[in-house]
C-alpha atoms as a PDB file:
ATOM      1  CA  UNK A   1      21.733  46.220 -59.141  1.00  0.00           C
ATOM      2  CA  UNK A   2      24.102  46.554 -62.090  1.00  0.00           C
ATOM      3  CA  UNK A   3      23.432  49.049 -64.887  1.00  0.00           C
ATOM      4  CA  UNK A   4      25.511  48.983 -68.077  1.00  0.00           C
ATOM      5  CA  UNK A   5      25.464  50.934 -71.304  1.00  0.00           C
ATOM      6  CA  UNK A   6      25.893  47.631 -73.164  1.00  0.00           C
ATOM      7  CA  UNK A   7      25.732  43.961 -72.238  1.00  0.00           C
ATOM      8  CA  UNK A   8      27.383  42.520 -75.330  1.00  0.00           C
ATOM      9  CA  UNK A   9      31.109  43.137 -75.113  1.00  0.00           C
ATOM     10  CA  UNK A  10      32.946  45.625 -72.947  1.00  0.00           C
ATOM     11  CA  UNK A  11      30.784  48.385 -71.483  1.00  0.00           C
ATOM     12  CA  UNK A  12      31.877  52.020 -71.472  1.00  0.00           C
ATOM     13  CA  UNK A  13      30.261  52.734 -68.117  1.00  0.00           C
ATOM     14  CA  UNK A  14      28.833  50.588 -65.317  1.00  0.00           C
ATOM     15  CA  UNK A  15      26.738  51.879 -62.415  1.00  0.00           C
ATOM     16  CA  UNK A  16      26.320  49.715 -59.320  1.00  0.00           C
ATOM     17  CA  UNK A  17      23.391  50.557 -57.045  1.00  0.00           C
ATOM     18  CA  UNK A  18      21.769  49.208 -53.897  1.00  0.00           C
ATOM     19  CA  UNK A  19      18.308  50.279 -54.975  1.00  0.00           C
ATOM     20  CA  UNK A  20      16.630  51.479 -58.134  1.00  0.00           C
ATOM     21  CA  UNK A  21      15.669  54.898 -59.361  1.00  0.00           C
ATOM     22  CA  UNK A  22      13.875  57.134 -56.900  1.00  0.00           C
ATOM     23  CA  UNK A  23      12.445  60.566 -57.755  1.00  0.00           C
ATOM     24  CA  UNK A  24      14.571  60.853 -60.887  1.00  0.00           C
ATOM     25  CA  UNK A  25      17.820  59.986 -59.123  1.00  0.00           C
ATOM     26  CA  UNK A  26      20.016  56.940 -58.843  1.00  0.00           C
ATOM     27  CA  UNK A  27      22.689  56.671 -56.132  1.00  0.00           C
ATOM     28  CA  UNK A  28      25.563  54.692 -57.604  1.00  0.00           C
ATOM     29  CA  UNK A  29      29.174  53.712 -57.704  1.00  0.00           C
ATOM     30  CA  UNK A  30      30.311  54.446 -61.248  1.00  0.00           C
ATOM     31  CA  UNK A  31      32.961  52.434 -63.051  1.00  0.00           C
ATOM     32  CA  UNK A  32      34.107  54.633 -65.909  1.00  0.00           C
ATOM     33  CA  UNK A  33      35.807  52.346 -68.408  1.00  0.00           C
ATOM     34  CA  UNK A  34      35.808  53.655 -71.964  1.00  0.00           C
ATOM     35  CA  UNK A  35      34.383  57.155 -71.769  1.00  0.00           C
ATOM     36  CA  UNK A  36      35.684  58.038 -75.226  1.00  0.00           C
ATOM     37  CA  UNK A  37      33.209  55.568 -76.744  1.00  0.00           C
ATOM     38  CA  UNK A  38      30.142  56.917 -74.954  1.00  0.00           C
ATOM     39  CA  UNK A  39      27.475  58.776 -76.835  1.00  0.00           C
ATOM     40  CA  UNK A  40      26.571  62.206 -75.541  1.00  0.00           C
ATOM     41  CA  UNK A  41      24.832  62.282 -72.221  1.00  0.00           C
ATOM     42  CA  UNK A  42      22.320  61.284 -71.148  1.00  0.00           C
ATOM     43  CA  UNK A  43      23.696  57.760 -71.496  1.00  0.00           C
ATOM     44  CA  UNK A  44      21.248  54.864 -71.937  1.00  0.00           C
ATOM     45  CA  UNK A  45      21.767  52.240 -69.201  1.00  0.00           C
ATOM     46  CA  UNK A  46      20.072  48.854 -68.792  1.00  0.00           C
ATOM     47  CA  UNK A  47      20.015  46.561 -65.770  1.00  0.00           C
ATOM     48  CA  UNK A  48      20.022  42.758 -65.712  1.00  0.00           C
ATOM     49  CA  UNK A  49      16.192  42.755 -65.565  1.00  0.00           C
ATOM     50  CA  UNK A  50      15.797  44.765 -68.764  1.00  0.00           C
ATOM     51  CA  UNK A  51      14.803  48.060 -67.141  1.00  0.00           C
ATOM     52  CA  UNK A  52      16.294  50.978 -69.055  1.00  0.00           C
ATOM     53  CA  UNK A  53      16.951  54.581 -68.183  1.00  0.00           C
ATOM     54  CA  UNK A  54      18.906  57.555 -69.435  1.00  0.00           C
ATOM     55  CA  UNK A  55      21.500  58.865 -66.994  1.00  0.00           C
ATOM     56  CA  UNK A  56      23.359  62.150 -66.978  1.00  0.00           C
ATOM     57  CA  UNK A  57      26.919  61.414 -65.892  1.00  0.00           C
ATOM     58  CA  UNK A  58      28.733  63.828 -63.577  1.00  0.00           C
ATOM     59  CA  UNK A  59      31.399  66.101 -65.049  1.00  0.00           C
ATOM     60  CA  UNK A  60      35.028  65.181 -64.581  1.00  0.00           C
ATOM     61  CA  UNK A  61      34.885  61.387 -64.741  1.00  0.00           C
ATOM     62  CA  UNK A  62      38.264  59.948 -65.681  1.00  0.00           C
ATOM     63  CA  UNK A  63      38.583  56.847 -67.879  1.00  0.00           C
ATOM     64  CA  UNK A  64      39.278  53.642 -65.966  1.00  0.00           C
ATOM     65  CA  UNK A  65      38.193  55.167 -62.663  1.00  0.00           C
ATOM     66  CA  UNK A  66      35.945  54.151 -59.787  1.00  0.00           C
ATOM     67  CA  UNK A  67      33.685  56.932 -58.551  1.00  0.00           C
ATOM     68  CA  UNK A  68      31.866  56.165 -55.282  1.00  0.00           C
ATOM     69  CA  UNK A  69      28.722  57.863 -54.016  1.00  0.00           C
ATOM     70  CA  UNK A  70      27.575  59.568 -57.175  1.00  0.00           C
ATOM     71  CA  UNK A  71      23.997  60.719 -57.594  1.00  0.00           C
ATOM     72  CA  UNK A  72      22.879  60.427 -61.201  1.00  0.00           C
ATOM     73  CA  UNK A  73      19.944  62.314 -62.634  1.00  0.00           C
ATOM     74  CA  UNK A  74      17.943  59.754 -64.582  1.00  0.00           C
ATOM     75  CA  UNK A  75      14.853  59.348 -66.706  1.00  0.00           C
ATOM     76  CA  UNK A  76      13.291  55.875 -66.704  1.00  0.00           C
ATOM     77  CA  UNK A  77      12.545  54.827 -70.267  1.00  0.00           C
ATOM     78  CA  UNK A  78      11.346  51.203 -69.747  1.00  0.00           C
ATOM     79  CA  UNK A  79      10.311  49.375 -66.575  1.00  0.00           C
END
């Protein structure tokens, strides 16, 4: 599943997951693209099916980096 902070134009962050949210967590590979454009965390993310959640990103993400095996704390806002 692909989660993005925006679908129109270039996203600031993309999270790629095998499964959805479980118990307030999302295991993901994070592509940090334009972190300087992100609003404060938690960051709103939406998947291709329209489900939305707010994710707290881990500290220390570098712009234009790939971050495997990250566990995000999330709050589902729309299923």
